Amino acid sequence: MLILASAAPYVSWGEGRAKLLKALLKAKFGTDISSYQVHKILVDAELEGISIAYTKKLLGDSGKNNIAQTVALEKVIKMCKVLEIPVDELVPLFEIEAPTNFIDPLDLDTSSS
């Protein structure tokens, strides 16, 4: 099967998902946890590509107009694993989107006319 490198699925984020992530973290840790604390956990686990600014965007701590809109599914899975929260509660399978530049290998016409 052909797998395209640019075909990584993405997840719509937004305010609803940011609030859900905060609720899952509160349930896990028993109290509100700041984006700085979350970032420290991710850094300690050596998760790459997550800055404090990005963590704040994921949690909605930078204001309503500065929340992440889409996040790579791979990053969400790694983050959930490190934070020990269930991925399927944060991102149900039916909500995963293919990127806009995704080319389905089944749509490629390989026959020559």
PDB file of N, CA and C in Angstrom:
ATOM      1  N   MET A   1       0.844  -1.177   0.000  1.00  0.00           N
ATOM      2  CA  MET A   1       0.000   0.000   0.000  1.00  0.00           C
ATOM      3  C   MET A   1       0.886   1.236   0.000  1.00  0.00           C
ATOM      4  N   LEU A   2       0.511   2.202  -0.767  1.00  0.00           N
ATOM      5  CA  LEU A   2       1.241   3.453  -0.874  1.00  0.00           C
ATOM      6  C   LEU A   2       0.842   4.381   0.268  1.00  0.00           C
ATOM      7  N   ILE A   3       1.830   4.851   1.005  1.00  0.00           N
ATOM      8  CA  ILE A   3       1.563   5.796   2.082  1.00  0.00           C
ATOM      9  C   ILE A   3       2.315   7.075   1.758  1.00  0.00           C
ATOM     10  N   LEU A   4       1.589   8.164   1.682  1.00  0.00           N
ATOM     11  CA  LEU A   4       2.206   9.443   1.359  1.00  0.00           C
ATOM     12  C   LEU A   4       2.635  10.149   2.639  1.00  0.00           C
ATOM     13  N   ALA A   5       3.825  10.705   2.642  1.00  0.00           N
ATOM     14  CA  ALA A   5       4.347  11.376   3.831  1.00  0.00           C
ATOM     15  C   ALA A   5       3.489  12.567   4.237  1.00  0.00           C
ATOM     16  N   SER A   6       2.886  13.234   3.266  1.00  0.00           N
ATOM     17  CA  SER A   6       2.078  14.411   3.579  1.00  0.00           C
ATOM     18  C   SER A   6       0.647  14.044   3.962  1.00  0.00           C
ATOM     19  N   ALA A   7       0.371  12.773   4.102  1.00  0.00           N
ATOM     20  CA  ALA A   7      -0.995  12.334   4.355  1.00  0.00           C
ATOM     21  C   ALA A   7      -1.291  12.129   5.837  1.00  0.00           C
ATOM     22  N   ALA A   8      -0.563  12.798   6.700  1.00  0.00           N
ATOM     23  CA  ALA A   8      -0.816  12.661   8.129  1.00  0.00           C
ATOM     24  C   ALA A   8      -2.169  13.273   8.467  1.00  0.00           C
ATOM     25  N   PRO A   9      -3.002  12.557   9.188  1.00  0.00           N
ATOM     26  CA  PRO A   9      -4.312  13.109   9.544  1.00  0.00           C
ATOM     27  C   PRO A   9      -4.198  14.224  10.584  1.00  0.00           C
ATOM     28  N   TYR A  10      -5.151  15.111  10.526  1.00  0.00           N
ATOM     29  CA  TYR A  10      -5.208  16.238  11.449  1.00  0.00           C
ATOM     30  C   TYR A  10      -6.510  16.199  12.220  1.00  0.00           C
ATOM     31  N   VAL A  11      -6.535  16.910  13.341  1.00  0.00           N
ATOM     32  CA  VAL A  11      -7.699  16.982  14.202  1.00  0.00           C
ATOM     33  C   VAL A  11      -8.111  18.445  14.305  1.00  0.00           C
ATOM     34  N   SER A  12      -9.391  18.724  14.112  1.00  0.00           N
ATOM     35  CA  SER A  12      -9.889  20.076  14.367  1.00  0.00           C
ATOM     36  C   SER A  12      -9.802  20.319  15.867  1.00  0.00           C
ATOM     37  N   TRP A  13      -9.304  21.463  16.260  1.00  0.00           N
ATOM     38  CA  TRP A  13      -9.114  21.724  17.685  1.00  0.00           C
ATOM     39  C   TRP A  13     -10.149  22.740  18.137  1.00  0.00           C
ATOM     40  N   GLY A  14      -9.804  23.972  18.311  1.00  0.00           N
ATOM     41  CA  GLY A  14     -10.758  25.000  18.697  1.00  0.00           C
ATOM     42  C   GLY A  14     -11.055  25.019  20.189  1.00  0.00           C
ATOM     43  N   GLU A  15     -11.961  25.917  20.574  1.00  0.00           N
ATOM     44  CA  GLU A  15     -12.272  26.148  21.984  1.00  0.00           C
ATOM     45  C   GLU A  15     -12.863  24.918  22.670  1.00  0.00           C
ATOM     46  N   GLY A  16     -13.731  24.190  21.972  1.00  0.00           N
ATOM     47  CA  GLY A  16     -14.354  23.008  22.570  1.00  0.00           C
ATOM     48  C   GLY A  16     -13.349  21.943  22.955  1.00  0.00           C
ATOM     49  N   ARG A  17     -12.406  21.670  22.066  1.00  0.00           N
ATOM     50  CA  ARG A  17     -11.388  20.653  22.346  1.00  0.00           C
ATOM     51  C   ARG A  17     -10.428  21.132  23.437  1.00  0.00           C
ATOM     52  N   ALA A  18     -10.113  22.432  23.452  1.00  0.00           N
ATOM     53  CA  ALA A  18      -9.246  22.982  24.498  1.00  0.00           C
ATOM     54  C   ALA A  18      -9.898  22.798  25.872  1.00  0.00           C
ATOM     55  N   LYS A  19     -11.198  23.086  25.960  1.00  0.00           N
ATOM     56  CA  LYS A  19     -11.922  22.901  27.228  1.00  0.00           C
ATOM     57  C   LYS A  19     -11.975  21.426  27.618  1.00  0.00           C
ATOM     58  N   LEU A  20     -12.169  20.556  26.633  1.00  0.00           N
ATOM     59  CA  LEU A  20     -12.204  19.121  26.910  1.00  0.00           C
ATOM     60  C   LEU A  20     -10.855  18.640  27.432  1.00  0.00           C
ATOM     61  N   LEU A  21      -9.765  19.096  26.817  1.00  0.00           N
ATOM     62  CA  LEU A  21      -8.428  18.719  27.280  1.00  0.00           C
ATOM     63  C   LEU A  21      -8.223  19.172  28.719  1.00  0.00           C
ATOM     64  N   LYS A  22      -8.636  20.394  29.036  1.00  0.00           N
ATOM     65  CA  LYS A  22      -8.516  20.889  30.411  1.00  0.00           C
ATOM     66  C   LYS A  22      -9.329  20.025  31.376  1.00  0.00           C
ATOM     67  N   ALA A  23     -10.536  19.633  30.970  1.00  0.00           N
ATOM     68  CA  ALA A  23     -11.380  18.799  31.830  1.00  0.00           C
ATOM     69  C   ALA A  23     -10.753  17.423  32.054  1.00  0.00           C
ATOM     70  N   LEU A  24     -10.187  16.835  31.000  1.00  0.00           N
ATOM     71  CA  LEU A  24      -9.527  15.535  31.141  1.00  0.00           C
ATOM     72  C   LEU A  24      -8.308  15.636  32.052  1.00  0.00           C
ATOM     73  N   LEU A  25      -7.563  16.723  31.933  1.00  0.00           N
ATOM     74  CA  LEU A  25      -6.400  16.931  32.804  1.00  0.00           C
ATOM     75  C   LEU A  25      -6.832  17.144  34.252  1.00  0.00           C
ATOM     76  N   LYS A  26      -7.924  17.881  34.452  1.00  0.00           N
ATOM     77  CA  LYS A  26      -8.426  18.105  35.811  1.00  0.00           C
ATOM     78  C   LYS A  26      -8.876  16.785  36.436  1.00  0.00           C
ATOM     79  N   ALA A  27      -9.533  15.943  35.638  1.00  0.00           N
ATOM     80  CA  ALA A  27      -9.959  14.631  36.138  1.00  0.00           C
ATOM     81  C   ALA A  27      -8.747  13.761  36.481  1.00  0.00           C
ATOM     82  N   LYS A  28      -7.715  13.835  35.675  1.00  0.00           N
ATOM     83  CA  LYS A  28      -6.508  13.022  35.892  1.00  0.00           C
ATOM     84  C   LYS A  28      -5.745  13.476  37.124  1.00  0.00           C
ATOM     85  N   PHE A  29      -5.532  14.788  37.249  1.00  0.00           N
ATOM     86  CA  PHE A  29      -4.692  15.313  38.321  1.00  0.00           C
ATOM     87  C   PHE A  29      -5.481  15.762  39.551  1.00  0.00           C
ATOM     88  N   GLY A  30      -6.806  15.783  39.465  1.00  0.00           N
ATOM     89  CA  GLY A  30      -7.638  16.128  40.610  1.00  0.00           C
ATOM     90  C   GLY A  30      -7.733  17.617  40.903  1.00  0.00           C
ATOM     91  N   THR A  31      -7.127  18.428  40.069  1.00  0.00           N
ATOM     92  CA  THR A  31      -7.148  19.879  40.244  1.00  0.00           C
ATOM     93  C   THR A  31      -6.844  20.537  38.902  1.00  0.00           C
ATOM     94  N   ASP A  32      -7.099  21.848  38.821  1.00  0.00           N
ATOM     95  CA  ASP A  32      -6.716  22.561  37.598  1.00  0.00           C
ATOM     96  C   ASP A  32      -5.203  22.529  37.461  1.00  0.00           C
ATOM     97  N   ILE A  33      -4.736  22.359  36.249  1.00  0.00           N
ATOM     98  CA  ILE A  33      -3.301  22.311  35.980  1.00  0.00           C
ATOM     99  C   ILE A  33      -2.999  23.383  34.939  1.00  0.00           C
ATOM    100  N   SER A  34      -1.941  24.137  35.157  1.00  0.00           N
ATOM    101  CA  SER A  34      -1.620  25.243  34.254  1.00  0.00           C
ATOM    102  C   SER A  34      -0.923  24.740  32.999  1.00  0.00           C
ATOM    103  N   SER A  35      -0.926  25.591  31.983  1.00  0.00           N
ATOM    104  CA  SER A  35      -0.232  25.230  30.748  1.00  0.00           C
ATOM    105  C   SER A  35       1.266  25.076  30.998  1.00  0.00           C
ATOM    106  N   TYR A  36       1.808  25.808  31.960  1.00  0.00           N
ATOM    107  CA  TYR A  36       3.232  25.673  32.294  1.00  0.00           C
ATOM    108  C   TYR A  36       3.523  24.296  32.898  1.00  0.00           C
ATOM    109  N   GLN A  37       2.627  23.819  33.750  1.00  0.00           N
ATOM    110  CA  GLN A  37       2.799  22.487  34.340  1.00  0.00           C
ATOM    111  C   GLN A  37       2.681  21.409  33.267  1.00  0.00           C
ATOM    112  N   VAL A  38       1.719  21.569  32.368  1.00  0.00           N
ATOM    113  CA  VAL A  38       1.549  20.610  31.271  1.00  0.00           C
ATOM    114  C   VAL A  38       2.796  20.621  30.394  1.00  0.00           C
ATOM    115  N   HIS A  39       3.287  21.808  30.067  1.00  0.00           N
ATOM    116  CA  HIS A  39       4.478  21.919  29.231  1.00  0.00           C
ATOM    117  C   HIS A  39       5.673  21.248  29.894  1.00  0.00           C
ATOM    118  N   LYS A  40       5.842  21.418  31.194  1.00  0.00           N
ATOM    119  CA  LYS A  40       6.959  20.791  31.907  1.00  0.00           C
ATOM    120  C   LYS A  40       6.872  19.272  31.811  1.00  0.00           C
ATOM    121  N   ILE A  41       5.677  18.719  31.947  1.00  0.00           N
ATOM    122  CA  ILE A  41       5.493  17.265  31.823  1.00  0.00           C
ATOM    123  C   ILE A  41       5.903  16.805  30.427  1.00  0.00           C
ATOM    124  N   LEU A  42       5.470  17.545  29.406  1.00  0.00           N
ATOM    125  CA  LEU A  42       5.788  17.179  28.021  1.00  0.00           C
ATOM    126  C   LEU A  42       7.284  17.301  27.735  1.00  0.00           C
ATOM    127  N   VAL A  43       7.915  18.342  28.257  1.00  0.00           N
ATOM    128  CA  VAL A  43       9.360  18.532  28.065  1.00  0.00           C
ATOM    129  C   VAL A  43      10.133  17.433  28.789  1.00  0.00           C
ATOM    130  N   ASP A  44       9.731  17.124  30.019  1.00  0.00           N
ATOM    131  CA  ASP A  44      10.401  16.068  30.784  1.00  0.00           C
ATOM    132  C   ASP A  44      10.316  14.721  30.077  1.00  0.00           C
ATOM    133  N   ALA A  45       9.241  14.522  29.309  1.00  0.00           N
ATOM    134  CA  ALA A  45       9.071  13.276  28.552  1.00  0.00           C
ATOM    135  C   ALA A  45       9.760  13.348  27.193  1.00  0.00           C
ATOM    136  N   GLU A  46      10.441  14.467  26.941  1.00  0.00           N
ATOM    137  CA  GLU A  46      11.181  14.684  25.699  1.00  0.00           C
ATOM    138  C   GLU A  46      10.290  14.642  24.457  1.00  0.00           C
ATOM    139  N   LEU A  47       9.075  15.147  24.596  1.00  0.00           N
ATOM    140  CA  LEU A  47       8.170  15.275  23.456  1.00  0.00           C
ATOM    141  C   LEU A  47       8.587  16.507  22.663  1.00  0.00           C
ATOM    142  N   GLU A  48       8.941  16.302  21.411  1.00  0.00           N
ATOM    143  CA  GLU A  48       9.470  17.384  20.582  1.00  0.00           C
ATOM    144  C   GLU A  48       8.353  18.195  19.924  1.00  0.00           C
ATOM    145  N   GLY A  49       8.653  19.444  19.641  1.00  0.00           N
ATOM    146  CA  GLY A  49       7.743  20.285  18.878  1.00  0.00           C
ATOM    147  C   GLY A  49       6.605  20.888  19.670  1.00  0.00           C
ATOM    148  N   ILE A  50       6.702  20.887  20.998  1.00  0.00           N
ATOM    149  CA  ILE A  50       5.650  21.478  21.814  1.00  0.00           C
ATOM    150  C   ILE A  50       6.280  22.578  22.668  1.00  0.00           C
ATOM    151  N   SER A  51       6.102  23.815  22.248  1.00  0.00           N
ATOM    152  CA  SER A  51       6.615  24.952  23.015  1.00  0.00           C
ATOM    153  C   SER A  51       5.582  25.359  24.055  1.00  0.00           C
ATOM    154  N   ILE A  52       5.970  26.256  24.948  1.00  0.00           N
ATOM    155  CA  ILE A  52       5.011  26.753  25.933  1.00  0.00           C
ATOM    156  C   ILE A  52       3.891  27.516  25.234  1.00  0.00           C
ATOM    157  N   ALA A  53       4.225  28.268  24.190  1.00  0.00           N
ATOM    158  CA  ALA A  53       3.192  29.003  23.444  1.00  0.00           C
ATOM    159  C   ALA A  53       2.205  28.035  22.795  1.00  0.00           C
ATOM    160  N   TYR A  54       2.720  26.939  22.245  1.00  0.00           N
ATOM    161  CA  TYR A  54       1.852  25.946  21.606  1.00  0.00           C
ATOM    162  C   TYR A  54       0.987  25.244  22.650  1.00  0.00           C
ATOM    163  N   THR A  55       1.567  24.947  23.807  1.00  0.00           N
ATOM    164  CA  THR A  55       0.805  24.322  24.891  1.00  0.00           C
ATOM    165  C   THR A  55      -0.334  25.239  25.313  1.00  0.00           C
ATOM    166  N   LYS A  56      -0.057  26.538  25.413  1.00  0.00           N
ATOM    167  CA  LYS A  56      -1.097  27.499  25.776  1.00  0.00           C
ATOM    168  C   LYS A  56      -2.194  27.537  24.713  1.00  0.00           C
ATOM    169  N   LYS A  57      -1.822  27.406  23.436  1.00  0.00           N
ATOM    170  CA  LYS A  57      -2.818  27.370  22.357  1.00  0.00           C
ATOM    171  C   LYS A  57      -3.682  26.114  22.454  1.00  0.00           C
ATOM    172  N   LEU A  58      -3.079  24.991  22.820  1.00  0.00           N
ATOM    173  CA  LEU A  58      -3.838  23.746  22.949  1.00  0.00           C
ATOM    174  C   LEU A  58      -4.830  23.811  24.107  1.00  0.00           C
ATOM    175  N   LEU A  59      -4.444  24.479  25.185  1.00  0.00           N
ATOM    176  CA  LEU A  59      -5.292  24.572  26.368  1.00  0.00           C
ATOM    177  C   LEU A  59      -6.210  25.791  26.358  1.00  0.00           C
ATOM    178  N   GLY A  60      -6.041  26.663  25.369  1.00  0.00           N
ATOM    179  CA  GLY A  60      -6.866  27.859  25.285  1.00  0.00           C
ATOM    180  C   GLY A  60      -6.496  28.914  26.309  1.00  0.00           C
ATOM    181  N   ASP A  61      -5.255  28.882  26.800  1.00  0.00           N
ATOM    182  CA  ASP A  61      -4.817  29.828  27.823  1.00  0.00           C
ATOM    183  C   ASP A  61      -4.286  31.134  27.251  1.00  0.00           C
ATOM    184  N   SER A  62      -4.346  31.310  25.944  1.00  0.00           N
ATOM    185  CA  SER A  62      -3.870  32.548  25.319  1.00  0.00           C
ATOM    186  C   SER A  62      -5.025  33.397  24.807  1.00  0.00           C
ATOM    187  N   GLY A  63      -6.226  33.091  25.211  1.00  0.00           N
ATOM    188  CA  GLY A  63      -7.397  33.833  24.759  1.00  0.00           C
ATOM    189  C   GLY A  63      -8.132  33.116  23.639  1.00  0.00           C
ATOM    190  N   LYS A  64      -9.398  33.473  23.462  1.00  0.00           N
ATOM    191  CA  LYS A  64     -10.250  32.801  22.477  1.00  0.00           C
ATOM    192  C   LYS A  64      -9.763  32.951  21.043  1.00  0.00           C
ATOM    193  N   ASN A  65      -9.084  34.041  20.739  1.00  0.00           N
ATOM    194  CA  ASN A  65      -8.623  34.271  19.372  1.00  0.00           C
ATOM    195  C   ASN A  65      -7.267  33.647  19.088  1.00  0.00           C
ATOM    196  N   ASN A  66      -6.710  32.958  20.053  1.00  0.00           N
ATOM    197  CA  ASN A  66      -5.385  32.378  19.877  1.00  0.00           C
ATOM    198  C   ASN A  66      -5.370  30.907  20.304  1.00  0.00           C
ATOM    199  N   ILE A  67      -6.382  30.163  19.877  1.00  0.00           N
ATOM    200  CA  ILE A  67      -6.476  28.730  20.169  1.00  0.00           C
ATOM    201  C   ILE A  67      -6.088  27.971  18.905  1.00  0.00           C
ATOM    202  N   ALA A  68      -5.370  26.881  19.078  1.00  0.00           N
ATOM    203  CA  ALA A  68      -4.989  26.048  17.932  1.00  0.00           C
ATOM    204  C   ALA A  68      -6.247  25.648  17.163  1.00  0.00           C
ATOM    205  N   GLN A  69      -6.181  25.665  15.842  1.00  0.00           N
ATOM    206  CA  GLN A  69      -7.323  25.294  15.007  1.00  0.00           C
ATOM    207  C   GLN A  69      -7.236  23.858  14.511  1.00  0.00           C
ATOM    208  N   THR A  70      -6.054  23.432  14.114  1.00  0.00           N
ATOM    209  CA  THR A  70      -5.838  22.038  13.723  1.00  0.00           C
ATOM    210  C   THR A  70      -4.531  21.561  14.344  1.00  0.00           C
ATOM    211  N   VAL A  71      -4.503  20.285  14.693  1.00  0.00           N
ATOM    212  CA  VAL A  71      -3.326  19.686  15.318  1.00  0.00           C
ATOM    213  C   VAL A  71      -3.099  18.334  14.659  1.00  0.00           C
ATOM    214  N   ALA A  72      -1.852  18.009  14.389  1.00  0.00           N
ATOM    215  CA  ALA A  72      -1.530  16.707  13.802  1.00  0.00           C
ATOM    216  C   ALA A  72      -1.927  15.602  14.777  1.00  0.00           C
ATOM    217  N   LEU A  73      -2.607  14.595  14.270  1.00  0.00           N
ATOM    218  CA  LEU A  73      -3.066  13.492  15.109  1.00  0.00           C
ATOM    219  C   LEU A  73      -1.901  12.823  15.824  1.00  0.00           C
ATOM    220  N   GLU A  74      -0.782  12.661  15.144  1.00  0.00           N
ATOM    221  CA  GLU A  74       0.390  12.027  15.758  1.00  0.00           C
ATOM    222  C   GLU A  74       0.822  12.787  17.014  1.00  0.00           C
ATOM    223  N   LYS A  75       0.784  14.113  16.947  1.00  0.00           N
ATOM    224  CA  LYS A  75       1.171  14.941  18.098  1.00  0.00           C
ATOM    225  C   LYS A  75       0.171  14.768  19.236  1.00  0.00           C
ATOM    226  N   VAL A  76      -1.114  14.685  18.902  1.00  0.00           N
ATOM    227  CA  VAL A  76      -2.147  14.495  19.915  1.00  0.00           C
ATOM    228  C   VAL A  76      -1.963  13.146  20.605  1.00  0.00           C
ATOM    229  N   ILE A  77      -1.694  12.107  19.829  1.00  0.00           N
ATOM    230  CA  ILE A  77      -1.509  10.768  20.396  1.00  0.00           C
ATOM    231  C   ILE A  77      -0.315  10.745  21.338  1.00  0.00           C
ATOM    232  N   LYS A  78       0.801  11.321  20.913  1.00  0.00           N
ATOM    233  CA  LYS A  78       1.999  11.360  21.765  1.00  0.00           C
ATOM    234  C   LYS A  78       1.728  12.150  23.042  1.00  0.00           C
ATOM    235  N   MET A  79       1.050  13.288  22.908  1.00  0.00           N
ATOM    236  CA  MET A  79       0.747  14.120  24.059  1.00  0.00           C
ATOM    237  C   MET A  79      -0.145  13.373  25.052  1.00  0.00           C
ATOM    238  N   CYS A  80      -1.173  12.701  24.543  1.00  0.00           N
ATOM    239  CA  CYS A  80      -2.080  11.953  25.410  1.00  0.00           C
ATOM    240  C   CYS A  80      -1.354  10.809  26.119  1.00  0.00           C
ATOM    241  N   LYS A  81      -0.454  10.157  25.409  1.00  0.00           N
ATOM    242  CA  LYS A  81       0.316   9.061  26.010  1.00  0.00           C
ATOM    243  C   LYS A  81       1.157   9.575  27.172  1.00  0.00           C
ATOM    244  N   VAL A  82       1.843  10.691  26.958  1.00  0.00           N
ATOM    245  CA  VAL A  82       2.685  11.277  28.003  1.00  0.00           C
ATOM    246  C   VAL A  82       1.833  11.728  29.191  1.00  0.00           C
ATOM    247  N   LEU A  83       0.696  12.358  28.922  1.00  0.00           N
ATOM    248  CA  LEU A  83      -0.169  12.875  29.982  1.00  0.00           C
ATOM    249  C   LEU A  83      -1.059  11.797  30.591  1.00  0.00           C
ATOM    250  N   GLU A  84      -1.023  10.608  30.002  1.00  0.00           N
ATOM    251  CA  GLU A  84      -1.819   9.462  30.464  1.00  0.00           C
ATOM    252  C   GLU A  84      -3.312   9.779  30.492  1.00  0.00           C
ATOM    253  N   ILE A  85      -3.780  10.375  29.392  1.00  0.00           N
ATOM    254  CA  ILE A  85      -5.214  10.597  29.222  1.00  0.00           C
ATOM    255  C   ILE A  85      -5.648   9.853  27.964  1.00  0.00           C
ATOM    256  N   PRO A  86      -6.885   9.355  27.930  1.00  0.00           N
ATOM    257  CA  PRO A  86      -7.338   8.552  26.788  1.00  0.00           C
ATOM    258  C   PRO A  86      -7.522   9.380  25.512  1.00  0.00           C
ATOM    259  N   VAL A  87      -6.856   8.953  24.463  1.00  0.00           N
ATOM    260  CA  VAL A  87      -6.939   9.644  23.174  1.00  0.00           C
ATOM    261  C   VAL A  87      -8.366   9.630  22.652  1.00  0.00           C
ATOM    262  N   ASP A  88      -9.047   8.490  22.773  1.00  0.00           N
ATOM    263  CA  ASP A  88     -10.385   8.370  22.186  1.00  0.00           C
ATOM    264  C   ASP A  88     -11.420   9.260  22.876  1.00  0.00           C
ATOM    265  N   GLU A  89     -11.164   9.690  24.102  1.00  0.00           N
ATOM    266  CA  GLU A  89     -12.070  10.643  24.746  1.00  0.00           C
ATOM    267  C   GLU A  89     -11.828  12.055  24.227  1.00  0.00           C
ATOM    268  N   LEU A  90     -10.583  12.348  23.891  1.00  0.00           N
ATOM    269  CA  LEU A  90     -10.236  13.674  23.377  1.00  0.00           C
ATOM    270  C   LEU A  90     -10.552  13.796  21.891  1.00  0.00           C
ATOM    271  N   VAL A  91     -10.300  12.714  21.145  1.00  0.00           N
ATOM    272  CA  VAL A  91     -10.499  12.735  19.698  1.00  0.00           C
ATOM    273  C   VAL A  91     -11.182  11.447  19.243  1.00  0.00           C
ATOM    274  N   PRO A  92     -12.506  11.454  19.145  1.00  0.00           N
ATOM    275  CA  PRO A  92     -13.186  10.279  18.597  1.00  0.00           C
ATOM    276  C   PRO A  92     -12.737  10.028  17.160  1.00  0.00           C
ATOM    277  N   LEU A  93     -12.643   8.783  16.786  1.00  0.00           N
ATOM    278  CA  LEU A  93     -12.117   8.388  15.483  1.00  0.00           C
ATOM    279  C   LEU A  93     -12.812   9.099  14.322  1.00  0.00           C
ATOM    280  N   PHE A  94     -14.119   9.295  14.404  1.00  0.00           N
ATOM    281  CA  PHE A  94     -14.855   9.887  13.285  1.00  0.00           C
ATOM    282  C   PHE A  94     -14.520  11.366  13.069  1.00  0.00           C
ATOM    283  N   GLU A  95     -13.810  11.994  13.994  1.00  0.00           N
ATOM    284  CA  GLU A  95     -13.476  13.408  13.849  1.00  0.00           C
ATOM    285  C   GLU A  95     -12.121  13.651  13.202  1.00  0.00           C
ATOM    286  N   ILE A  96     -11.389  12.602  12.895  1.00  0.00           N
ATOM    287  CA  ILE A  96     -10.067  12.759  12.301  1.00  0.00           C
ATOM    288  C   ILE A  96     -10.228  13.153  10.842  1.00  0.00           C
ATOM    289  N   GLU A  97      -9.499  14.180  10.430  1.00  0.00           N
ATOM    290  CA  GLU A  97      -9.597  14.700   9.070  1.00  0.00           C
ATOM    291  C   GLU A  97      -8.342  14.380   8.278  1.00  0.00           C
ATOM    292  N   ALA A  98      -8.513  14.162   6.993  1.00  0.00           N
ATOM    293  CA  ALA A  98      -7.353  14.053   6.105  1.00  0.00           C
ATOM    294  C   ALA A  98      -6.931  15.472   5.745  1.00  0.00           C
ATOM    295  N   PRO A  99      -5.650  15.710   5.548  1.00  0.00           N
ATOM    296  CA  PRO A  99      -5.220  17.050   5.154  1.00  0.00           C
ATOM    297  C   PRO A  99      -5.775  17.421   3.784  1.00  0.00           C
ATOM    298  N   THR A 100      -5.826  18.710   3.506  1.00  0.00           N
ATOM    299  CA  THR A 100      -6.407  19.166   2.243  1.00  0.00           C
ATOM    300  C   THR A 100      -5.589  18.744   1.032  1.00  0.00           C
ATOM    301  N   ASN A 101      -4.300  18.481   1.201  1.00  0.00           N
ATOM    302  CA  ASN A 101      -3.467  18.068   0.068  1.00  0.00           C
ATOM    303  C   ASN A 101      -3.360  16.549  -0.049  1.00  0.00           C
ATOM    304  N   PHE A 102      -4.227  15.822   0.649  1.00  0.00           N
ATOM    305  CA  PHE A 102      -4.193  14.362   0.631  1.00  0.00           C
ATOM    306  C   PHE A 102      -4.659  13.832  -0.721  1.00  0.00           C
ATOM    307  N   ILE A 103      -3.909  12.915  -1.274  1.00  0.00           N
ATOM    308  CA  ILE A 103      -4.283  12.247  -2.520  1.00  0.00           C
ATOM    309  C   ILE A 103      -4.505  10.781  -2.194  1.00  0.00           C
ATOM    310  N   ASP A 104      -5.716  10.332  -2.367  1.00  0.00           N
ATOM    311  CA  ASP A 104      -6.030   8.930  -2.110  1.00  0.00           C
ATOM    312  C   ASP A 104      -5.399   8.083  -3.207  1.00  0.00           C
ATOM    313  N   PRO A 105      -4.554   7.107  -2.855  1.00  0.00           N
ATOM    314  CA  PRO A 105      -3.911   6.271  -3.870  1.00  0.00           C
ATOM    315  C   PRO A 105      -4.913   5.553  -4.772  1.00  0.00           C
ATOM    316  N   LEU A 106      -6.112   5.306  -4.279  1.00  0.00           N
ATOM    317  CA  LEU A 106      -7.123   4.631  -5.090  1.00  0.00           C
ATOM    318  C   LEU A 106      -7.669   5.539  -6.189  1.00  0.00           C
ATOM    319  N   ASP A 107      -7.489   6.856  -6.019  1.00  0.00           N
ATOM    320  CA  ASP A 107      -7.965   7.800  -7.026  1.00  0.00           C
ATOM    321  C   ASP A 107      -6.968   8.011  -8.160  1.00  0.00           C
ATOM    322  N   LEU A 108      -5.761   7.529  -7.995  1.00  0.00           N
ATOM    323  CA  LEU A 108      -4.744   7.715  -9.028  1.00  0.00           C
ATOM    324  C   LEU A 108      -5.015   6.782 -10.203  1.00  0.00           C
ATOM    325  N   ASP A 109      -5.062   7.344 -11.381  1.00  0.00           N
ATOM    326  CA  ASP A 109      -5.286   6.547 -12.589  1.00  0.00           C
ATOM    327  C   ASP A 109      -3.927   6.131 -13.131  1.00  0.00           C
ATOM    328  N   THR A 110      -3.615   4.855 -13.008  1.00  0.00           N
ATOM    329  CA  THR A 110      -2.308   4.368 -13.457  1.00  0.00           C
ATOM    330  C   THR A 110      -2.372   3.742 -14.843  1.00  0.00           C
ATOM    331  N   SER A 111      -3.556   3.691 -15.414  1.00  0.00           N
ATOM    332  CA  SER A 111      -3.671   3.099 -16.753  1.00  0.00           C
ATOM    333  C   SER A 111      -3.298   4.137 -17.807  1.00  0.00           C
ATOM    334  N   SER A 112      -2.646   3.694 -18.847  1.00  0.00           N
ATOM    335  CA  SER A 112      -2.285   4.614 -19.933  1.00  0.00           C
ATOM    336  C   SER A 112      -3.230   4.397 -21.102  1.00  0.00           C
ATOM    337  N   SER A 113      -3.722   5.487 -21.631  1.00  0.00           N
ATOM    338  CA  SER A 113      -4.690   5.402 -22.734  1.00  0.00           C
ATOM    339  C   SER A 113      -4.021   5.609 -24.058  1.00  0.00           C
TER     340      SER A 113
END
